Protein backbone atom coordinates (compact mmCIF):
# COMPACT_ATOMS: atom_id res chain seq x y z
CA MET A 1 -68.33 -157.37 -54.97
CA ASP A 2 -69.45 -156.87 -58.55
CA TRP A 3 -70.86 -153.36 -58.22
CA LYS A 4 -71.75 -153.09 -61.89
CA ALA A 5 -73.98 -156.16 -61.73
CA LYS A 6 -75.64 -154.99 -58.50
CA VAL A 7 -76.32 -151.48 -59.78
CA GLN A 8 -77.51 -152.78 -63.14
CA GLY A 9 -79.95 -155.17 -61.48
CA PHE A 10 -81.49 -152.43 -59.36
CA TYR A 11 -81.54 -150.03 -62.33
CA LEU A 12 -83.29 -152.48 -64.64
CA ASN A 13 -85.86 -153.23 -61.94
CA GLY A 14 -86.65 -149.52 -61.69
CA ASN A 15 -85.20 -149.08 -58.20
CA TYR A 16 -82.47 -146.68 -59.38
CA SER A 17 -82.68 -143.68 -61.69
CA ASP A 18 -79.95 -142.42 -64.03
CA ALA A 19 -78.86 -140.03 -61.27
CA ASP A 20 -78.59 -142.90 -58.79
CA VAL A 21 -76.32 -144.78 -61.19
CA GLN A 22 -74.12 -141.68 -61.49
CA LYS A 23 -73.76 -141.58 -57.69
CA PHE A 24 -71.89 -144.88 -57.87
CA VAL A 25 -69.44 -143.27 -60.30
CA THR A 26 -68.88 -140.45 -57.80
CA LEU A 27 -68.30 -143.02 -55.07
CA LYS A 28 -65.80 -144.78 -57.37
CA LYS A 29 -67.69 -148.08 -57.19
CA ILE A 30 -68.13 -148.19 -60.98
CA THR A 31 -66.53 -146.29 -63.86
CA GLN A 32 -68.29 -143.76 -66.06
CA GLN A 33 -68.07 -146.25 -68.92
CA GLU A 34 -69.81 -148.90 -66.81
CA ALA A 35 -72.52 -146.40 -65.87
CA ASN A 36 -73.05 -145.59 -69.54
CA GLU A 37 -73.32 -149.30 -70.33
CA ILE A 38 -75.88 -149.81 -67.54
CA ILE A 39 -78.03 -146.92 -68.75
CA ALA A 40 -77.73 -148.09 -72.38
CA SER A 41 -78.75 -151.62 -71.38
CA LYS A 42 -82.16 -150.39 -70.20
CA THR A 43 -82.66 -148.43 -73.42
CA ASN A 44 -81.76 -151.50 -75.48
CA LYS A 45 -84.05 -153.71 -73.40
CA GLU A 46 -87.00 -151.34 -73.89
CA GLU A 47 -86.40 -151.13 -77.65
CA ASN A 48 -86.28 -154.90 -77.96
CA SER A 49 -89.46 -155.42 -75.94
CA ALA A 50 -91.33 -152.92 -78.14
CA GLU A 51 -90.71 -154.97 -81.26
């Protein structure tokens, strides 16, 4: 299963918070780097939509 894609989808839809994403790091389903990328992807998406 591609945990990063699953978590990212839920995160971008607003179903997961930053803390929820970090729980998947604790559970060793994704790495800390992947969690950082997921959180950064939402920030980048919001910046692009504001333009």
